[in-house]
N, C-alpha and C. Protein backbone atom coordinates (compact mmCIF):
# COMPACT_ATOMS: atom_id res chain seq x y z
N MET A 1 -133.67 -93.92 1.37
CA MET A 1 -133.85 -93.63 -0.03
C MET A 1 -132.73 -94.26 -0.76
N ASN A 2 -131.55 -94.55 -0.21
CA ASN A 2 -130.32 -95.50 -0.69
C ASN A 2 -129.55 -95.69 0.46
N LYS A 3 -128.50 -96.47 -0.17
CA LYS A 3 -127.69 -96.98 1.03
C LYS A 3 -126.84 -95.51 1.44
N LEU A 4 -126.52 -94.73 0.73
CA LEU A 4 -125.63 -93.63 1.45
C LEU A 4 -126.43 -92.59 2.28
N MET A 5 -127.77 -92.89 2.33
CA MET A 5 -128.62 -91.99 3.20
C MET A 5 -129.26 -92.88 4.20
N ASN A 6 -128.91 -94.23 4.30
CA ASN A 6 -129.61 -95.31 5.26
C ASN A 6 -128.79 -95.66 6.31
N TYR A 7 -128.77 -94.57 7.36
CA TYR A 7 -127.61 -94.56 8.59
C TYR A 7 -128.08 -95.88 9.33
N GLU A 8 -127.47 -96.26 10.10
CA GLU A 8 -127.58 -97.42 10.87
C GLU A 8 -128.73 -96.87 12.29
N ARG A 9 -128.49 -95.62 12.72
CA ARG A 9 -129.34 -95.17 13.72
C ARG A 9 -131.00 -95.33 13.30
N TYR A 10 -131.17 -95.23 11.94
CA TYR A 10 -132.49 -95.45 11.28
C TYR A 10 -133.05 -96.70 11.86
N LEU A 11 -132.15 -97.66 11.55
CA LEU A 11 -132.84 -98.89 11.99
C LEU A 11 -132.90 -99.26 13.32
N ASN A 12 -131.92 -98.91 14.13
CA ASN A 12 -132.03 -98.70 15.43
C ASN A 12 -133.31 -98.18 16.14
N ASP A 13 -133.70 -96.97 15.39
CA ASP A 13 -135.00 -96.43 15.76
C ASP A 13 -136.24 -97.51 15.57
N CYS A 14 -136.25 -98.09 14.47
CA CYS A 14 -137.21 -98.69 14.14
C CYS A 14 -137.12 -100.08 14.93
N ALA A 15 -136.28 -100.55 15.14
CA ALA A 15 -136.08 -101.76 16.06
C ALA A 15 -136.44 -101.31 17.40
N PHE A 16 -136.25 -100.42 18.13
CA PHE A 16 -136.62 -99.53 19.27
C PHE A 16 -138.17 -99.74 19.51
N LEU A 17 -138.64 -99.16 18.39
CA LEU A 17 -140.08 -98.89 18.48
C LEU A 17 -140.88 -100.24 18.24
N TYR A 18 -140.32 -101.12 17.49
CA TYR A 18 -140.84 -102.62 17.34
C TYR A 18 -140.84 -103.31 18.58
N ARG A 19 -139.66 -103.30 19.12
CA ARG A 19 -139.41 -104.07 20.56
C ARG A 19 -140.53 -103.35 21.57
N THR A 20 -140.56 -102.10 21.69
CA THR A 20 -141.50 -101.37 22.51
C THR A 20 -143.23 -101.96 22.11
N LEU A 21 -143.40 -101.87 20.96
CA LEU A 21 -144.83 -102.23 20.70
C LEU A 21 -145.01 -103.71 21.14
N LEU A 22 -144.04 -104.59 20.86
CA LEU A 22 -144.23 -105.95 21.36
C LEU A 22 -144.08 -106.08 22.58
N HIS A 23 -142.96 -105.90 23.58
CA HIS A 23 -142.79 -105.87 24.86
C HIS A 23 -143.48 -105.10 25.76
N ASP A 24 -143.81 -103.81 25.61
CA ASP A 24 -144.07 -102.63 26.52
C ASP A 24 -145.65 -102.80 26.24
N TYR A 25 -146.22 -102.71 25.03
CA TYR A 25 -147.72 -102.68 24.62
C TYR A 25 -148.40 -103.88 24.19
N HIS A 26 -147.54 -104.78 24.16
CA HIS A 26 -148.18 -106.42 23.99
C HIS A 26 -148.78 -106.56 22.64
N PHE A 27 -148.41 -105.85 21.66
CA PHE A 27 -149.05 -106.12 20.31
C PHE A 27 -148.24 -107.36 19.86
N GLN A 28 -148.92 -107.95 18.86
CA GLN A 28 -148.71 -109.26 18.37
C GLN A 28 -147.80 -108.90 16.77
N LYS A 29 -146.78 -109.66 16.72
CA LYS A 29 -145.97 -109.55 15.61
C LYS A 29 -147.11 -109.49 14.10
N GLN A 30 -147.81 -110.29 14.18
CA GLN A 30 -148.80 -110.34 13.01
C GLN A 30 -149.45 -109.10 12.90
N ASP A 31 -149.63 -108.32 13.73
CA ASP A 31 -150.37 -106.87 13.70
C ASP A 31 -149.36 -105.71 13.56
N ILE A 32 -148.21 -105.96 13.09
CA ILE A 32 -147.20 -105.00 13.05
C ILE A 32 -146.67 -105.27 11.28
N THR A 33 -146.80 -104.34 10.41
CA THR A 33 -146.12 -104.19 9.20
C THR A 33 -145.11 -103.38 8.99
N LEU A 34 -143.80 -104.27 8.66
CA LEU A 34 -142.48 -103.40 8.61
C LEU A 34 -142.01 -103.45 7.19
N LEU A 35 -141.89 -101.99 6.76
CA LEU A 35 -141.19 -101.87 5.49
C LEU A 35 -140.05 -100.91 5.58
N ILE A 36 -138.94 -101.95 5.46
CA ILE A 36 -137.62 -101.06 5.90
C ILE A 36 -136.77 -101.32 4.65
N SER A 37 -135.87 -100.04 4.31
CA SER A 37 -134.98 -100.14 3.18
C SER A 37 -135.39 -101.35 2.23
N ASP A 38 -134.48 -102.13 2.04
CA ASP A 38 -134.73 -103.14 0.78
C ASP A 38 -135.37 -104.34 1.32
N GLY A 39 -136.04 -104.27 2.39
CA GLY A 39 -136.77 -105.31 2.96
C GLY A 39 -136.13 -106.38 3.34
N GLY A 40 -134.88 -106.32 4.09
CA GLY A 40 -134.29 -107.18 4.61
C GLY A 40 -133.29 -108.26 3.59
N GLU A 41 -133.16 -107.75 2.53
CA GLU A 41 -132.30 -108.52 1.42
C GLU A 41 -130.97 -108.50 1.87
N PRO A 42 -130.18 -109.45 1.40
CA PRO A 42 -128.82 -109.55 1.87
C PRO A 42 -127.74 -108.47 1.47
N GLY A 43 -128.40 -107.73 0.31
CA GLY A 43 -127.38 -106.68 0.03
C GLY A 43 -126.82 -105.50 1.08
N ARG A 44 -125.94 -104.88 0.90
CA ARG A 44 -125.43 -103.80 1.92
C ARG A 44 -126.06 -102.77 1.38
N ASP A 45 -127.02 -102.34 2.30
CA ASP A 45 -127.87 -101.30 2.13
C ASP A 45 -127.90 -100.24 3.27
N MET A 46 -126.84 -100.55 4.21
CA MET A 46 -126.90 -99.46 5.49
C MET A 46 -125.39 -99.03 5.67
N LEU A 47 -125.33 -97.64 6.01
CA LEU A 47 -124.09 -97.09 6.45
C LEU A 47 -124.08 -97.41 7.86
N LEU A 48 -122.84 -97.93 8.28
CA LEU A 48 -122.37 -97.95 9.75
C LEU A 48 -122.45 -96.76 10.50
N ALA A 49 -122.62 -96.70 11.74
CA ALA A 49 -122.76 -95.46 12.58
C ALA A 49 -121.41 -94.77 12.48
N ASP A 50 -120.32 -95.44 12.46
CA ASP A 50 -119.04 -94.90 12.50
C ASP A 50 -118.55 -94.54 11.16
N GLY A 51 -119.39 -94.60 9.98
CA GLY A 51 -119.11 -94.22 8.57
C GLY A 51 -118.15 -95.05 7.94
N SER A 52 -117.77 -96.23 8.41
CA SER A 52 -116.73 -97.04 8.16
C SER A 52 -117.04 -97.94 6.81
N GLY A 53 -118.20 -97.98 6.73
CA GLY A 53 -118.56 -98.87 5.50
C GLY A 53 -120.13 -99.26 5.30
N PHE A 54 -120.42 -100.01 4.68
CA PHE A 54 -121.81 -100.38 4.42
C PHE A 54 -121.96 -101.84 5.01
N VAL A 55 -123.00 -102.34 5.45
CA VAL A 55 -123.47 -103.72 5.81
C VAL A 55 -125.01 -103.97 5.29
N SER A 56 -125.32 -105.13 5.34
CA SER A 56 -126.70 -105.38 4.98
C SER A 56 -127.69 -105.12 6.59
N SER A 57 -128.63 -104.54 6.26
CA SER A 57 -129.35 -104.19 7.44
C SER A 57 -130.24 -105.59 8.07
N SER A 58 -130.01 -105.58 9.40
CA SER A 58 -130.79 -106.98 9.85
C SER A 58 -132.10 -106.83 9.66
N ALA A 59 -132.79 -108.06 9.40
CA ALA A 59 -134.16 -108.29 9.18
C ALA A 59 -134.81 -108.67 10.57
N ASP A 60 -133.82 -108.95 11.54
CA ASP A 60 -134.33 -109.72 12.98
C ASP A 60 -134.43 -108.25 13.80
N LEU A 61 -135.44 -107.54 13.97
CA LEU A 61 -135.37 -106.25 14.93
C LEU A 61 -135.70 -106.53 16.24
N ASP A 62 -136.10 -107.84 16.68
CA ASP A 62 -136.18 -108.06 18.10
C ASP A 62 -135.33 -108.94 18.74
N GLY A 63 -134.08 -109.41 17.80
CA GLY A 63 -133.20 -110.26 18.34
C GLY A 63 -133.63 -111.70 18.75
N ASP A 64 -134.85 -112.28 18.10
CA ASP A 64 -135.18 -113.61 18.43
C ASP A 64 -134.66 -114.62 17.59
N GLY A 65 -133.92 -114.09 16.59
CA GLY A 65 -133.58 -115.09 15.37
C GLY A 65 -134.50 -115.32 14.30
N GLU A 66 -135.40 -114.78 14.64
CA GLU A 66 -136.47 -114.70 13.39
C GLU A 66 -136.58 -113.29 12.55
N ARG A 67 -136.64 -113.82 11.22
CA ARG A 67 -137.00 -112.37 10.28
C ARG A 67 -138.20 -111.68 10.57
N ASP A 68 -137.98 -110.46 10.83
CA ASP A 68 -139.02 -109.56 10.95
C ASP A 68 -139.40 -108.77 9.92
N VAL A 69 -138.43 -108.31 9.31
CA VAL A 69 -138.69 -107.52 7.84
C VAL A 69 -138.62 -108.51 6.62
N TRP A 70 -139.85 -108.04 5.99
CA TRP A 70 -139.92 -109.00 4.67
C TRP A 70 -140.18 -107.72 3.55
N LEU A 71 -140.63 -106.70 3.96
CA LEU A 71 -141.06 -105.85 2.66
C LEU A 71 -140.04 -104.61 2.73
N PRO A 72 -140.06 -104.10 1.48
CA PRO A 72 -139.20 -102.78 1.09
C PRO A 72 -139.96 -101.81 1.22
N ALA A 73 -139.43 -100.66 1.78
CA ALA A 73 -140.07 -99.34 1.65
C ALA A 73 -139.90 -98.57 0.37
N THR A 74 -140.33 -99.46 -0.73
CA THR A 74 -140.43 -98.75 -1.93
C THR A 74 -141.88 -97.94 -2.08
N LEU A 75 -142.05 -96.98 -3.07
CA LEU A 75 -143.38 -96.34 -3.21
C LEU A 75 -144.48 -97.38 -3.34
N PRO A 76 -144.21 -98.30 -4.40
CA PRO A 76 -145.31 -99.17 -4.73
C PRO A 76 -145.60 -100.15 -3.44
N GLN A 77 -144.63 -100.53 -2.66
CA GLN A 77 -144.88 -101.34 -1.61
C GLN A 77 -145.58 -100.66 -0.44
N VAL A 78 -145.31 -99.32 -0.14
CA VAL A 78 -145.99 -98.43 0.76
C VAL A 78 -147.35 -98.50 0.45
N GLU A 79 -147.59 -97.95 -0.79
CA GLU A 79 -149.13 -97.76 -1.25
C GLU A 79 -149.83 -99.22 -1.23
N ALA A 80 -149.08 -100.31 -1.58
CA ALA A 80 -150.02 -101.37 -1.48
C ALA A 80 -150.45 -102.02 -0.10
N SER A 81 -149.16 -101.66 0.79
CA SER A 81 -149.67 -102.11 2.06
C SER A 81 -150.59 -101.06 3.04
N LEU A 82 -150.40 -99.89 2.66
CA LEU A 82 -151.63 -99.06 3.33
C LEU A 82 -152.91 -99.43 2.73
N THR A 83 -153.12 -99.42 1.49
CA THR A 83 -154.38 -99.98 0.71
C THR A 83 -154.83 -101.26 1.57
N GLU A 84 -154.01 -102.41 1.51
CA GLU A 84 -154.31 -103.40 2.03
C GLU A 84 -154.79 -103.33 3.62
N LEU A 85 -153.94 -102.51 4.34
CA LEU A 85 -154.54 -102.19 5.87
C LEU A 85 -155.79 -101.53 6.00
N ALA A 86 -156.00 -100.48 5.12
CA ALA A 86 -157.15 -99.98 4.90
C ALA A 86 -158.42 -100.75 4.75
N ALA A 87 -158.11 -101.74 4.02
CA ALA A 87 -159.22 -102.70 3.56
C ALA A 87 -159.39 -103.74 4.94
N SER A 88 -158.54 -103.90 5.68
CA SER A 88 -158.69 -105.10 6.64
C SER A 88 -158.74 -104.52 8.12
N LEU A 89 -158.64 -103.23 8.34
CA LEU A 89 -158.62 -102.64 9.74
C LEU A 89 -160.18 -102.29 10.08
N THR A 90 -160.41 -102.47 11.34
CA THR A 90 -162.01 -101.85 11.60
C THR A 90 -161.77 -100.97 12.40
N PRO A 91 -163.26 -100.42 12.83
CA PRO A 91 -163.12 -99.12 13.67
C PRO A 91 -162.80 -99.63 14.98
N ASN A 92 -162.27 -100.83 15.31
CA ASN A 92 -161.89 -100.92 16.72
C ASN A 92 -160.61 -101.19 16.73
N ASP A 93 -159.92 -101.22 15.73
CA ASP A 93 -158.50 -100.86 15.43
C ASP A 93 -157.60 -99.60 15.30
N ARG A 94 -156.18 -99.64 15.74
CA ARG A 94 -155.42 -98.42 15.90
C ARG A 94 -154.34 -98.73 14.58
N LEU A 95 -154.00 -97.35 14.14
CA LEU A 95 -153.06 -97.19 13.02
C LEU A 95 -152.12 -96.27 13.57
N LEU A 96 -150.79 -96.82 13.50
CA LEU A 96 -149.46 -95.93 13.89
C LEU A 96 -148.78 -96.04 12.79
N LEU A 97 -148.26 -95.01 12.15
CA LEU A 97 -147.51 -95.00 11.02
C LEU A 97 -146.33 -94.06 11.36
N PHE A 98 -145.19 -94.78 11.51
CA PHE A 98 -143.76 -94.18 11.56
C PHE A 98 -142.88 -94.11 10.32
N ILE A 99 -142.59 -92.91 10.13
CA ILE A 99 -141.57 -92.61 8.99
C ILE A 99 -140.39 -92.19 9.52
N VAL A 100 -139.54 -92.81 8.95
CA VAL A 100 -137.97 -92.62 9.35
C VAL A 100 -137.24 -91.86 7.93
N ASP A 101 -137.50 -90.69 7.64
CA ASP A 101 -136.98 -89.89 6.63
C ASP A 101 -136.96 -88.38 6.73
N HIS A 102 -136.04 -87.78 6.35
CA HIS A 102 -136.01 -86.34 6.50
C HIS A 102 -136.94 -85.58 5.57
N GLY A 103 -137.27 -86.31 4.29
CA GLY A 103 -138.43 -85.69 3.44
C GLY A 103 -137.93 -84.59 2.77
N GLY A 104 -138.49 -83.91 2.10
CA GLY A 104 -138.28 -82.60 1.42
C GLY A 104 -139.26 -82.21 0.81
N ARG A 105 -139.00 -80.77 0.02
CA ARG A 105 -140.03 -80.25 -0.75
C ARG A 105 -139.25 -80.12 -2.17
N ASP A 106 -140.31 -80.28 -3.25
CA ASP A 106 -139.83 -80.17 -4.64
C ASP A 106 -139.93 -78.64 -5.02
N GLU A 107 -139.69 -78.16 -6.16
CA GLU A 107 -139.70 -77.01 -6.78
C GLU A 107 -140.87 -76.38 -6.62
N THR A 108 -142.11 -76.97 -6.29
CA THR A 108 -143.40 -76.40 -6.29
C THR A 108 -143.90 -76.35 -4.80
N LEU A 109 -142.81 -76.64 -3.74
CA LEU A 109 -142.91 -76.55 -2.30
C LEU A 109 -143.88 -77.76 -1.75
N GLN A 110 -144.00 -78.82 -2.76
CA GLN A 110 -144.92 -79.97 -2.46
C GLN A 110 -143.90 -80.92 -1.41
N SER A 111 -144.57 -81.25 -0.25
CA SER A 111 -143.76 -81.92 0.64
C SER A 111 -143.94 -83.56 0.26
N TYR A 112 -142.60 -84.25 0.74
CA TYR A 112 -142.77 -85.65 0.44
C TYR A 112 -141.72 -86.21 1.38
N ALA A 113 -141.80 -87.56 1.38
CA ALA A 113 -140.92 -88.64 1.89
C ALA A 113 -140.31 -89.37 0.96
N CYS A 114 -138.83 -89.52 1.38
CA CYS A 114 -138.33 -90.28 0.10
C CYS A 114 -138.32 -92.03 0.46
N MET A 115 -138.90 -92.54 -0.65
CA MET A 115 -139.00 -94.24 -0.32
C MET A 115 -137.57 -94.69 -1.04
N TRP A 116 -137.17 -95.79 -0.57
CA TRP A 116 -136.23 -96.84 -1.04
C TRP A 116 -136.24 -96.81 -2.45
N GLY A 117 -135.20 -96.49 -3.03
CA GLY A 117 -134.98 -96.31 -4.64
C GLY A 117 -135.18 -94.88 -5.03
N GLY A 118 -135.29 -93.93 -4.16
CA GLY A 118 -135.50 -92.41 -4.50
C GLY A 118 -136.84 -92.13 -4.80
N GLU A 119 -137.80 -92.91 -4.83
CA GLU A 119 -138.97 -92.43 -5.33
C GLU A 119 -139.74 -91.54 -4.20
N ARG A 120 -140.53 -90.74 -4.29
CA ARG A 120 -141.06 -89.80 -3.48
C ARG A 120 -142.55 -90.24 -3.18
N LEU A 121 -142.97 -90.09 -1.73
CA LEU A 121 -144.24 -90.38 -1.49
C LEU A 121 -144.91 -88.93 -1.06
N TYR A 122 -145.57 -88.46 -1.94
CA TYR A 122 -146.16 -86.81 -1.56
C TYR A 122 -147.10 -86.97 -0.33
N SER A 123 -146.97 -85.82 0.37
CA SER A 123 -147.91 -85.62 1.40
C SER A 123 -149.59 -85.83 0.77
N SER A 124 -149.64 -85.16 -0.24
CA SER A 124 -151.10 -85.42 -0.79
C SER A 124 -151.54 -86.63 -1.04
N ARG A 125 -150.47 -87.47 -1.60
CA ARG A 125 -150.89 -88.91 -1.86
C ARG A 125 -151.08 -89.77 -0.60
N LEU A 126 -150.41 -89.37 0.44
CA LEU A 126 -150.38 -89.99 1.61
C LEU A 126 -151.63 -89.85 2.21
N ALA A 127 -152.07 -88.47 2.22
CA ALA A 127 -153.41 -88.12 2.71
C ALA A 127 -154.37 -88.93 2.24
N GLN A 128 -154.35 -89.17 0.63
CA GLN A 128 -155.33 -90.01 0.14
C GLN A 128 -155.46 -91.30 0.61
N LEU A 129 -154.17 -91.84 0.72
CA LEU A 129 -154.23 -93.20 1.26
C LEU A 129 -154.70 -93.21 2.62
N LEU A 130 -154.63 -92.32 3.41
CA LEU A 130 -155.20 -92.44 4.89
C LEU A 130 -156.62 -92.25 5.07
N GLU A 131 -157.13 -91.59 3.98
CA GLU A 131 -158.66 -91.35 3.95
C GLU A 131 -159.44 -92.58 4.02
N ALA A 132 -158.76 -93.41 3.51
CA ALA A 132 -159.48 -94.78 3.46
C ALA A 132 -159.52 -95.51 4.58
N PHE A 133 -158.93 -95.06 5.57
CA PHE A 133 -158.69 -95.71 7.22
C PHE A 133 -160.17 -95.20 7.75
N HIS A 134 -160.75 -96.21 8.40
CA HIS A 134 -161.80 -96.00 9.37
C HIS A 134 -161.56 -96.56 10.76
N VAL A 135 -160.51 -96.18 11.60
CA VAL A 135 -160.18 -96.83 12.72
C VAL A 135 -160.19 -95.96 13.96
N GLU A 136 -160.22 -96.57 15.04
CA GLU A 136 -160.44 -96.00 16.24
C GLU A 136 -159.51 -94.73 16.53
N SER A 137 -158.20 -94.87 16.25
CA SER A 137 -157.33 -93.84 16.26
C SER A 137 -156.23 -94.04 15.34
N MET A 138 -155.81 -93.03 15.00
CA MET A 138 -154.49 -93.15 13.91
C MET A 138 -153.46 -91.96 14.41
N GLY A 139 -152.14 -92.63 14.43
CA GLY A 139 -151.01 -91.70 14.88
C GLY A 139 -149.94 -91.55 13.55
N ILE A 140 -149.54 -90.77 13.36
CA ILE A 140 -148.36 -90.58 12.19
C ILE A 140 -147.43 -90.09 13.04
N CYS A 141 -146.11 -90.46 12.93
CA CYS A 141 -145.03 -90.16 13.64
C CYS A 141 -144.08 -90.05 12.80
N SER A 142 -143.17 -89.09 12.65
CA SER A 142 -141.93 -89.02 11.79
C SER A 142 -140.81 -88.78 12.73
N GLN A 143 -139.95 -89.62 12.55
CA GLN A 143 -138.42 -89.45 13.27
C GLN A 143 -137.70 -88.43 12.73
N ALA A 144 -137.98 -87.73 11.67
CA ALA A 144 -137.31 -86.55 11.33
C ALA A 144 -138.29 -85.81 10.76
N ALA A 145 -137.86 -84.61 9.96
CA ALA A 145 -138.95 -83.69 9.45
C ALA A 145 -139.52 -84.09 8.24
N LEU A 146 -140.93 -84.07 8.17
CA LEU A 146 -141.60 -84.34 7.05
C LEU A 146 -142.66 -83.46 6.94
N TRP A 147 -142.77 -82.46 6.23
CA TRP A 147 -143.58 -81.35 6.12
C TRP A 147 -144.98 -81.83 5.50
N LEU A 148 -146.10 -82.03 5.94
CA LEU A 148 -147.26 -82.74 5.62
C LEU A 148 -148.33 -81.13 5.73
C-alpha cells in the first residue's frame, strides 16, 4: 500500500516463492509475472525488518544479479496484467496468484486488497478478472487475510 506498510518480510516471502517456483518446480522466469510495490524503482519503498528505516526493495529476487521485478503492484497494473494473462494463457496452463496484503473491508463490508499507492482491488473486481481465465488449474494464495 505504501512504504509504511511495506515490511521487509513481505519481499522475503515473495522472493522465497519465486525461488521455489524456479528451482524446485522448474518454472521459467518468462512464465512468472511479478508485481511488487513500486516495481523495483530506486526509491525507498520498504521498511527494514528491525524498523530502523527505509530502503529500496530489491528487484533481484533470486540473487542472480538480474532484475526480476519490473512492474508495480498498482491497481491499473494488476488489472492490466491479469487481463493480458487471461488472453494469453491456454487451457493447458496454470495460474497461481499470490497476494501479500492484509486487505480489509470497507464501510459496506466489501472486502479488498490494498494496492501500491493506496488503491483497492475489491474481491468482486478480482472475481470479474478471474472469470476470463480458462486454465487447467488456478490457485489463489494470500500471505495474509484477504476476505473473498
